[in-house]
Every structure is written in C-alpha cells, then in structure tokens.
C-alpha cells in the first residue's frame, strides 16, 4: 500500500508538470491554459493511483484479479472528449489541434507520475516544452510559406463573385483555397474572406496589389493562421 506522503507527492508533481505545459499554452492565449493542463495531469494521476491502490480491500477475496491498466486505458480514450472541445473550425481552417495534443500528453504525464515514474513524467514534460516552444521557432523560420493566410476584403455590396476573382487575379485565382461572403457593418459593402495555403509572401503581396486596383474593392486586411 502506498504511503500518504508518497500519494500527495505524486499528485503534486503531476499538477506541477501539467502546469509547466499549461504556462506555455497560456502564454499564447490558447483555449486550454494553465489551470486546464494542471487539472488534466492531476486527474490522470489520481485515476492511476485509484486504479493501482484503491481496490486492495477486495483483493483478499478469492478469484479477484486487479488490472490497474484498465482505468489508465479509459483515461487515454476519455481525454479525447476534452481535447475535442479545444479544436475550432473557422471556415476551412482548423485550429486547436496542438492544444488538444498537449492536453492528451499532459494526461499521459499524469498517469506516469501517478504510477511513480517520476523520471518519465519529467522527461516527457521537458520534451513537450521543446516541441511546443522550440519547434515552433523552426516552423516559423523554415515553413512560414506553408501557413494558412487570409485576406479580408471590403467589397461593394453584390459585386463580388468567383468570376470577379478570376477576372482580377487571372492564374492567381488558382491559389485561392476558398472564400466566404457575408454582409459587412457598412450597408453598401460585403465582407469577403479569401483563404490561401502554400503561398509565398511575395506572391501574396502581388495578389493584394492586384485586388486593390479593382474599383469594387475598398480595403484589404491580412491575417496569418
């Protein structure tokens, strides 16, 4: 049977390691931040402790077999529901997958800590931070051209359609992955959102200049995702 001191230590370490990951997510204003990651890791650790040590009172009965892995397996599958809540679909763009993955990993760290595998929990936390913070810089440097980019256009009401896009951009219209149109705050204008992927910044600047030259387009705002 586990001692009270060891039990509290495992829970505290799990919450701390989850919090370290949560700080990185909170810093970027993600949907799941410090408290969420701490609770996920702490809860997973507690499930592991209950699964491992919570049923000793019934083990004395004949033909009773304990399988601690069953509850841990339920945590692995159950955390997917929480991760799904952090994923957002905006038009054709999916956001929150990395945060969902960090929640899933925080649960794994909690399970490891609850099982007394402190080295695995700490090593996992360090690797998660390297992936979230370190790899992010590499992505920005070497894969920036593959980011999703959006142009938000303010267009005179009723004047935007696919034909206008083809006529204005020519072959450049093939680089548009999708667009949406909705009524703008200004009564005589529509708000159009164009989505691009795998587009170089220089090409995007050329597209913006071409669009602005059209008389129906009043303004353009740019956003990267």
C-alpha atoms as a PDB file:
ATOM      1  CA  UNK A   1       0.000   0.000   0.000  1.00  0.00           C
ATOM      2  CA  UNK A   2       1.240   3.496  -0.813  1.00  0.00           C
ATOM      3  CA  UNK A   3       2.004   5.945   2.000  1.00  0.00           C
ATOM      4  CA  UNK A   4       0.104   9.203   2.385  1.00  0.00           C
ATOM      5  CA  UNK A   5       3.283  11.221   1.788  1.00  0.00           C
ATOM      6  CA  UNK A   6       4.060   9.427  -1.466  1.00  0.00           C
ATOM      7  CA  UNK A   7       0.449   9.764  -2.598  1.00  0.00           C
ATOM      8  CA  UNK A   8       0.418  13.531  -2.051  1.00  0.00           C
ATOM      9  CA  UNK A   9       3.851  13.850  -3.672  1.00  0.00           C
ATOM     10  CA  UNK A  10       2.701  12.093  -6.830  1.00  0.00           C
ATOM     11  CA  UNK A  11      -0.390  14.291  -7.118  1.00  0.00           C
ATOM     12  CA  UNK A  12       1.615  17.465  -6.500  1.00  0.00           C
ATOM     13  CA  UNK A  13       4.292  16.562  -9.045  1.00  0.00           C
ATOM     14  CA  UNK A  14       1.638  15.692 -11.631  1.00  0.00           C
ATOM     15  CA  UNK A  15      -0.110  19.040 -11.123  1.00  0.00           C
ATOM     16  CA  UNK A  16       3.218  20.895 -11.322  1.00  0.00           C
ATOM     17  CA  UNK A  17       4.311  19.193 -14.537  1.00  0.00           C
ATOM     18  CA  UNK A  18       0.926  19.800 -16.120  1.00  0.00           C
ATOM     19  CA  UNK A  19       1.163  23.435 -15.047  1.00  0.00           C
ATOM     20  CA  UNK A  20       4.531  23.839 -16.772  1.00  0.00           C
ATOM     21  CA  UNK A  21       2.925  22.821 -20.054  1.00  0.00           C
ATOM     22  CA  UNK A  22      -0.112  24.972 -19.307  1.00  0.00           C
ATOM     23  CA  UNK A  23       2.036  28.078 -18.836  1.00  0.00           C
ATOM     24  CA  UNK A  24       3.334  27.736 -22.389  1.00  0.00           C
ATOM     25  CA  UNK A  25      -0.219  27.404 -23.738  1.00  0.00           C
ATOM     26  CA  UNK A  26      -1.478  30.264 -21.542  1.00  0.00           C
ATOM     27  CA  UNK A  27       1.308  32.485 -22.859  1.00  0.00           C
ATOM     28  CA  UNK A  28      -0.105  32.100 -26.366  1.00  0.00           C
ATOM     29  CA  UNK A  29      -3.701  32.648 -25.160  1.00  0.00           C
ATOM     30  CA  UNK A  30      -4.826  29.180 -26.188  1.00  0.00           C
ATOM     31  CA  UNK A  31      -8.243  27.799 -25.273  1.00  0.00           C
ATOM     32  CA  UNK A  32      -6.737  25.426 -22.678  1.00  0.00           C
ATOM     33  CA  UNK A  33      -4.196  27.071 -20.420  1.00  0.00           C
ATOM     34  CA  UNK A  34      -2.553  26.733 -17.032  1.00  0.00           C
ATOM     35  CA  UNK A  35      -5.448  25.520 -14.895  1.00  0.00           C
ATOM     36  CA  UNK A  36      -6.809  23.133 -17.517  1.00  0.00           C
ATOM     37  CA  UNK A  37      -3.467  21.369 -18.019  1.00  0.00           C
ATOM     38  CA  UNK A  38      -2.894  21.176 -14.267  1.00  0.00           C
ATOM     39  CA  UNK A  39      -6.311  19.601 -13.726  1.00  0.00           C
ATOM     40  CA  UNK A  40      -5.857  17.122 -16.577  1.00  0.00           C
ATOM     41  CA  UNK A  41      -2.497  15.946 -15.279  1.00  0.00           C
ATOM     42  CA  UNK A  42      -3.685  15.862 -11.671  1.00  0.00           C
ATOM     43  CA  UNK A  43      -6.859  13.979 -12.574  1.00  0.00           C
ATOM     44  CA  UNK A  44      -4.971  11.410 -14.635  1.00  0.00           C
ATOM     45  CA  UNK A  45      -2.545  10.883 -11.765  1.00  0.00           C
ATOM     46  CA  UNK A  46      -5.401  10.406  -9.323  1.00  0.00           C
ATOM     47  CA  UNK A  47      -7.081   7.889 -11.627  1.00  0.00           C
ATOM     48  CA  UNK A  48      -3.832   5.959 -11.805  1.00  0.00           C
ATOM     49  CA  UNK A  49      -3.478   5.949  -8.023  1.00  0.00           C
ATOM     50  CA  UNK A  50      -7.050   4.769  -7.519  1.00  0.00           C
ATOM     51  CA  UNK A  51      -6.602   2.085 -10.162  1.00  0.00           C
ATOM     52  CA  UNK A  52      -3.347   0.874  -8.594  1.00  0.00           C
ATOM     53  CA  UNK A  53      -4.116   1.127  -4.877  1.00  0.00           C
ATOM     54  CA  UNK A  54      -7.821   1.785  -4.433  1.00  0.00           C
ATOM     55  CA  UNK A  55      -9.065  -1.788  -4.502  1.00  0.00           C
ATOM     56  CA  UNK A  56      -6.822  -3.561  -2.013  1.00  0.00           C
ATOM     57  CA  UNK A  57      -9.793  -4.180   0.254  1.00  0.00           C
ATOM     58  CA  UNK A  58     -11.351  -6.580  -2.253  1.00  0.00           C
ATOM     59  CA  UNK A  59      -8.170  -8.335  -3.334  1.00  0.00           C
ATOM     60  CA  UNK A  60      -8.337 -10.637  -0.338  1.00  0.00           C
ATOM     61  CA  UNK A  61     -11.406 -12.317  -1.771  1.00  0.00           C
ATOM     62  CA  UNK A  62     -10.890 -15.456  -3.779  1.00  0.00           C
ATOM     63  CA  UNK A  63     -10.659 -15.185  -7.574  1.00  0.00           C
ATOM     64  CA  UNK A  64     -10.455 -11.360  -7.552  1.00  0.00           C
ATOM     65  CA  UNK A  65      -7.833 -10.094 -10.008  1.00  0.00           C
ATOM     66  CA  UNK A  66      -6.704  -6.468 -10.220  1.00  0.00           C
ATOM     67  CA  UNK A  67      -5.812  -4.933 -13.595  1.00  0.00           C
ATOM     68  CA  UNK A  68      -4.521  -1.364 -12.989  1.00  0.00           C
ATOM     69  CA  UNK A  69      -4.148  -0.747 -16.716  1.00  0.00           C
ATOM     70  CA  UNK A  70      -7.910  -0.761 -17.357  1.00  0.00           C
ATOM     71  CA  UNK A  71      -8.575   2.611 -15.728  1.00  0.00           C
ATOM     72  CA  UNK A  72      -5.484   4.116 -17.338  1.00  0.00           C
ATOM     73  CA  UNK A  73      -6.778   2.983 -20.728  1.00  0.00           C
ATOM     74  CA  UNK A  74     -10.076   4.755 -20.064  1.00  0.00           C
ATOM     75  CA  UNK A  75      -8.179   7.981 -19.319  1.00  0.00           C
ATOM     76  CA  UNK A  76      -6.340   7.708 -22.649  1.00  0.00           C
ATOM     77  CA  UNK A  77      -9.607   7.415 -24.587  1.00  0.00           C
ATOM     78  CA  UNK A  78     -11.651   9.752 -22.386  1.00  0.00           C
ATOM     79  CA  UNK A  79      -9.278  12.700 -22.662  1.00  0.00           C
ATOM     80  CA  UNK A  80     -10.183  12.875 -26.348  1.00  0.00           C
ATOM     81  CA  UNK A  81     -13.526  14.487 -25.480  1.00  0.00           C
ATOM     82  CA  UNK A  82     -11.773  17.312 -23.651  1.00  0.00           C
ATOM     83  CA  UNK A  83      -9.284  17.743 -26.460  1.00  0.00           C
ATOM     84  CA  UNK A  84     -12.098  17.959 -28.997  1.00  0.00           C
ATOM     85  CA  UNK A  85     -13.500  20.915 -27.072  1.00  0.00           C
ATOM     86  CA  UNK A  86     -10.324  22.911 -27.755  1.00  0.00           C
ATOM     87  CA  UNK A  87     -10.499  22.351 -31.529  1.00  0.00           C
ATOM     88  CA  UNK A  88     -12.224  25.087 -33.525  1.00  0.00           C
ATOM     89  CA  UNK A  89     -13.282  25.084 -37.164  1.00  0.00           C
ATOM     90  CA  UNK A  90     -13.295  28.534 -38.723  1.00  0.00           C
ATOM     91  CA  UNK A  91     -14.243  28.330 -42.345  1.00  0.00           C
ATOM     92  CA  UNK A  92     -11.770  25.900 -43.900  1.00  0.00           C
ATOM     93  CA  UNK A  93      -9.210  26.344 -41.110  1.00  0.00           C
ATOM     94  CA  UNK A  94      -8.907  24.005 -38.135  1.00  0.00           C
ATOM     95  CA  UNK A  95      -7.314  25.452 -35.003  1.00  0.00           C
ATOM     96  CA  UNK A  96      -6.543  23.988 -31.598  1.00  0.00           C
ATOM     97  CA  UNK A  97      -5.057  20.649 -32.644  1.00  0.00           C
ATOM     98  CA  UNK A  98      -1.759  21.382 -30.887  1.00  0.00           C
ATOM     99  CA  UNK A  99      -3.558  22.349 -27.680  1.00  0.00           C
ATOM    100  CA  UNK A 100      -5.630  19.158 -27.864  1.00  0.00           C
ATOM    101  CA  UNK A 101      -2.414  17.163 -28.283  1.00  0.00           C
ATOM    102  CA  UNK A 102      -0.827  18.923 -25.304  1.00  0.00           C
ATOM    103  CA  UNK A 103      -3.849  18.013 -23.155  1.00  0.00           C
ATOM    104  CA  UNK A 104      -3.548  14.392 -24.232  1.00  0.00           C
ATOM    105  CA  UNK A 105       0.172  14.414 -23.403  1.00  0.00           C
ATOM    106  CA  UNK A 106      -0.480  16.104 -20.042  1.00  0.00           C
ATOM    107  CA  UNK A 107      -2.793  13.201 -19.195  1.00  0.00           C
ATOM    108  CA  UNK A 108      -0.028  10.748 -20.102  1.00  0.00           C
ATOM    109  CA  UNK A 109       2.397  12.632 -17.855  1.00  0.00           C
ATOM    110  CA  UNK A 110      -0.134  12.477 -15.051  1.00  0.00           C
ATOM    111  CA  UNK A 111      -0.521   8.732 -15.497  1.00  0.00           C
ATOM    112  CA  UNK A 112       3.238   8.240 -15.428  1.00  0.00           C
ATOM    113  CA  UNK A 113       3.592  10.331 -12.278  1.00  0.00           C
ATOM    114  CA  UNK A 114       0.689   8.550 -10.607  1.00  0.00           C
ATOM    115  CA  UNK A 115       2.481   5.275 -11.287  1.00  0.00           C
ATOM    116  CA  UNK A 116       5.610   6.622  -9.575  1.00  0.00           C
ATOM    117  CA  UNK A 117       7.550   7.037 -12.835  1.00  0.00           C
ATOM    118  CA  UNK A 118       8.857  10.500 -11.992  1.00  0.00           C
ATOM    119  CA  UNK A 119      11.715  10.347 -14.492  1.00  0.00           C
ATOM    120  CA  UNK A 120       9.339   9.568 -17.336  1.00  0.00           C
ATOM    121  CA  UNK A 121       6.979  12.362 -16.283  1.00  0.00           C
ATOM    122  CA  UNK A 122       9.746  14.972 -16.026  1.00  0.00           C
ATOM    123  CA  UNK A 123      11.408  13.849 -19.263  1.00  0.00           C
ATOM    124  CA  UNK A 124       8.049  13.951 -21.025  1.00  0.00           C
ATOM    125  CA  UNK A 125       7.389  17.482 -19.783  1.00  0.00           C
ATOM    126  CA  UNK A 126      10.795  18.710 -20.985  1.00  0.00           C
ATOM    127  CA  UNK A 127      10.235  17.170 -24.409  1.00  0.00           C
ATOM    128  CA  UNK A 128       6.752  18.687 -24.648  1.00  0.00           C
ATOM    129  CA  UNK A 129       8.185  22.149 -23.936  1.00  0.00           C
ATOM    130  CA  UNK A 130      10.894  21.638 -26.546  1.00  0.00           C
ATOM    131  CA  UNK A 131       8.252  20.663 -29.090  1.00  0.00           C
ATOM    132  CA  UNK A 132       5.804  23.466 -28.269  1.00  0.00           C
ATOM    133  CA  UNK A 133       8.323  26.296 -27.869  1.00  0.00           C
ATOM    134  CA  UNK A 134      11.429  25.163 -29.737  1.00  0.00           C
ATOM    135  CA  UNK A 135       9.895  23.534 -32.801  1.00  0.00           C
ATOM    136  CA  UNK A 136       7.547  26.496 -33.165  1.00  0.00           C
ATOM    137  CA  UNK A 137      10.532  28.721 -33.929  1.00  0.00           C
ATOM    138  CA  UNK A 138      11.747  26.266 -36.571  1.00  0.00           C
ATOM    139  CA  UNK A 139       8.294  26.230 -38.141  1.00  0.00           C
ATOM    140  CA  UNK A 140       8.236  29.997 -38.359  1.00  0.00           C
ATOM    141  CA  UNK A 141      11.688  30.084 -39.911  1.00  0.00           C
ATOM    142  CA  UNK A 142      11.552  27.236 -42.394  1.00  0.00           C
ATOM    143  CA  UNK A 143       7.858  26.560 -43.000  1.00  0.00           C
ATOM    144  CA  UNK A 144       6.344  30.043 -42.894  1.00  0.00           C
ATOM    145  CA  UNK A 145       5.330  29.754 -46.538  1.00  0.00           C
ATOM    146  CA  UNK A 146       3.005  26.886 -45.654  1.00  0.00           C
ATOM    147  CA  UNK A 147       0.951  28.816 -43.124  1.00  0.00           C
ATOM    148  CA  UNK A 148      -2.683  29.471 -43.831  1.00  0.00           C
ATOM    149  CA  UNK A 149      -3.194  33.078 -44.843  1.00  0.00           C
ATOM    150  CA  UNK A 150      -6.386  35.053 -45.104  1.00  0.00           C
ATOM    151  CA  UNK A 151      -7.275  38.292 -46.831  1.00  0.00           C
ATOM    152  CA  UNK A 152     -10.336  40.129 -45.575  1.00  0.00           C
ATOM    153  CA  UNK A 153     -11.778  42.346 -48.274  1.00  0.00           C
ATOM    154  CA  UNK A 154     -14.352  45.076 -48.011  1.00  0.00           C
ATOM    155  CA  UNK A 155     -16.225  44.966 -51.325  1.00  0.00           C
ATOM    156  CA  UNK A 156     -19.139  46.955 -52.679  1.00  0.00           C
ATOM    157  CA  UNK A 157     -22.339  45.078 -51.979  1.00  0.00           C
ATOM    158  CA  UNK A 158     -23.279  42.446 -54.546  1.00  0.00           C
ATOM    159  CA  UNK A 159     -20.203  42.924 -56.711  1.00  0.00           C
ATOM    160  CA  UNK A 160     -18.053  40.006 -55.535  1.00  0.00           C
ATOM    161  CA  UNK A 161     -18.280  36.527 -57.050  1.00  0.00           C
ATOM    162  CA  UNK A 162     -15.995  33.830 -58.447  1.00  0.00           C
ATOM    163  CA  UNK A 163     -15.979  35.497 -61.870  1.00  0.00           C
ATOM    164  CA  UNK A 164     -14.666  38.739 -60.413  1.00  0.00           C
ATOM    165  CA  UNK A 165     -11.923  36.771 -58.663  1.00  0.00           C
ATOM    166  CA  UNK A 166     -10.888  35.008 -61.862  1.00  0.00           C
ATOM    167  CA  UNK A 167     -11.058  38.165 -63.950  1.00  0.00           C
ATOM    168  CA  UNK A 168      -8.987  40.155 -61.441  1.00  0.00           C
ATOM    169  CA  UNK A 169      -6.329  37.602 -60.492  1.00  0.00           C
ATOM    170  CA  UNK A 170      -6.152  35.520 -63.666  1.00  0.00           C
ATOM    171  CA  UNK A 171      -3.977  32.454 -62.989  1.00  0.00           C
ATOM    172  CA  UNK A 172      -3.501  33.709 -59.425  1.00  0.00           C
ATOM    173  CA  UNK A 173      -7.106  32.729 -58.675  1.00  0.00           C
ATOM    174  CA  UNK A 174      -5.974  29.080 -58.599  1.00  0.00           C
ATOM    175  CA  UNK A 175      -4.077  29.829 -55.393  1.00  0.00           C
ATOM    176  CA  UNK A 176      -7.300  30.691 -53.554  1.00  0.00           C
ATOM    177  CA  UNK A 177      -8.354  27.664 -51.492  1.00  0.00           C
ATOM    178  CA  UNK A 178     -11.737  29.102 -50.564  1.00  0.00           C
ATOM    179  CA  UNK A 179     -13.730  32.227 -49.879  1.00  0.00           C
ATOM    180  CA  UNK A 180     -16.737  33.328 -47.891  1.00  0.00           C
ATOM    181  CA  UNK A 181     -19.008  36.356 -48.226  1.00  0.00           C
ATOM    182  CA  UNK A 182     -21.112  37.995 -45.548  1.00  0.00           C
ATOM    183  CA  UNK A 183     -22.809  41.321 -45.039  1.00  0.00           C
ATOM    184  CA  UNK A 184     -20.494  43.973 -43.628  1.00  0.00           C
ATOM    185  CA  UNK A 185     -21.359  46.530 -40.972  1.00  0.00           C
ATOM    186  CA  UNK A 186     -21.495  49.141 -43.698  1.00  0.00           C
ATOM    187  CA  UNK A 187     -24.786  48.754 -45.512  1.00  0.00           C
ATOM    188  CA  UNK A 188     -23.331  49.149 -49.006  1.00  0.00           C
ATOM    189  CA  UNK A 189     -20.488  46.658 -48.540  1.00  0.00           C
ATOM    190  CA  UNK A 190     -19.831  42.922 -48.215  1.00  0.00           C
ATOM    191  CA  UNK A 191     -17.030  41.376 -46.166  1.00  0.00           C
ATOM    192  CA  UNK A 192     -15.158  38.758 -48.195  1.00  0.00           C
ATOM    193  CA  UNK A 193     -12.600  36.359 -46.708  1.00  0.00           C
ATOM    194  CA  UNK A 194     -10.109  34.699 -49.066  1.00  0.00           C
ATOM    195  CA  UNK A 195      -8.049  31.745 -47.765  1.00  0.00           C
ATOM    196  CA  UNK A 196      -4.640  30.749 -49.148  1.00  0.00           C
ATOM    197  CA  UNK A 197      -2.171  27.968 -48.269  1.00  0.00           C
ATOM    198  CA  UNK A 198       1.332  27.208 -49.537  1.00  0.00           C
ATOM    199  CA  UNK A 199       1.632  30.772 -50.776  1.00  0.00           C
ATOM    200  CA  UNK A 200       4.855  32.761 -50.664  1.00  0.00           C
ATOM    201  CA  UNK A 201       4.705  36.224 -49.023  1.00  0.00           C
ATOM    202  CA  UNK A 202       5.875  37.864 -52.262  1.00  0.00           C
ATOM    203  CA  UNK A 203       3.032  36.260 -54.212  1.00  0.00           C
ATOM    204  CA  UNK A 204       0.543  37.319 -51.549  1.00  0.00           C
ATOM    205  CA  UNK A 205       1.717  40.924 -51.784  1.00  0.00           C
ATOM    206  CA  UNK A 206       1.249  40.836 -55.546  1.00  0.00           C
ATOM    207  CA  UNK A 207      -2.289  39.467 -55.143  1.00  0.00           C
ATOM    208  CA  UNK A 208      -3.117  42.227 -52.653  1.00  0.00           C
ATOM    209  CA  UNK A 209      -1.880  44.915 -55.038  1.00  0.00           C
ATOM    210  CA  UNK A 210      -3.903  43.421 -57.900  1.00  0.00           C
ATOM    211  CA  UNK A 211      -7.075  43.249 -55.826  1.00  0.00           C
ATOM    212  CA  UNK A 212      -6.726  46.791 -54.519  1.00  0.00           C
ATOM    213  CA  UNK A 213      -6.569  48.051 -58.102  1.00  0.00           C
ATOM    214  CA  UNK A 214     -10.144  46.843 -58.668  1.00  0.00           C
ATOM    215  CA  UNK A 215     -12.725  49.581 -58.240  1.00  0.00           C
ATOM    216  CA  UNK A 216     -15.164  47.349 -56.337  1.00  0.00           C
ATOM    217  CA  UNK A 217     -12.667  46.579 -53.553  1.00  0.00           C
ATOM    218  CA  UNK A 218     -12.402  49.298 -50.932  1.00  0.00           C
ATOM    219  CA  UNK A 219      -9.899  47.819 -48.460  1.00  0.00           C
ATOM    220  CA  UNK A 220      -7.898  44.678 -47.597  1.00  0.00           C
ATOM    221  CA  UNK A 221      -6.712  43.333 -44.257  1.00  0.00           C
ATOM    222  CA  UNK A 222      -4.219  40.488 -43.943  1.00  0.00           C
ATOM    223  CA  UNK A 223      -4.096  37.725 -41.321  1.00  0.00           C
ATOM    224  CA  UNK A 224      -1.859  34.621 -40.903  1.00  0.00           C
ATOM    225  CA  UNK A 225      -3.022  31.474 -39.077  1.00  0.00           C
END
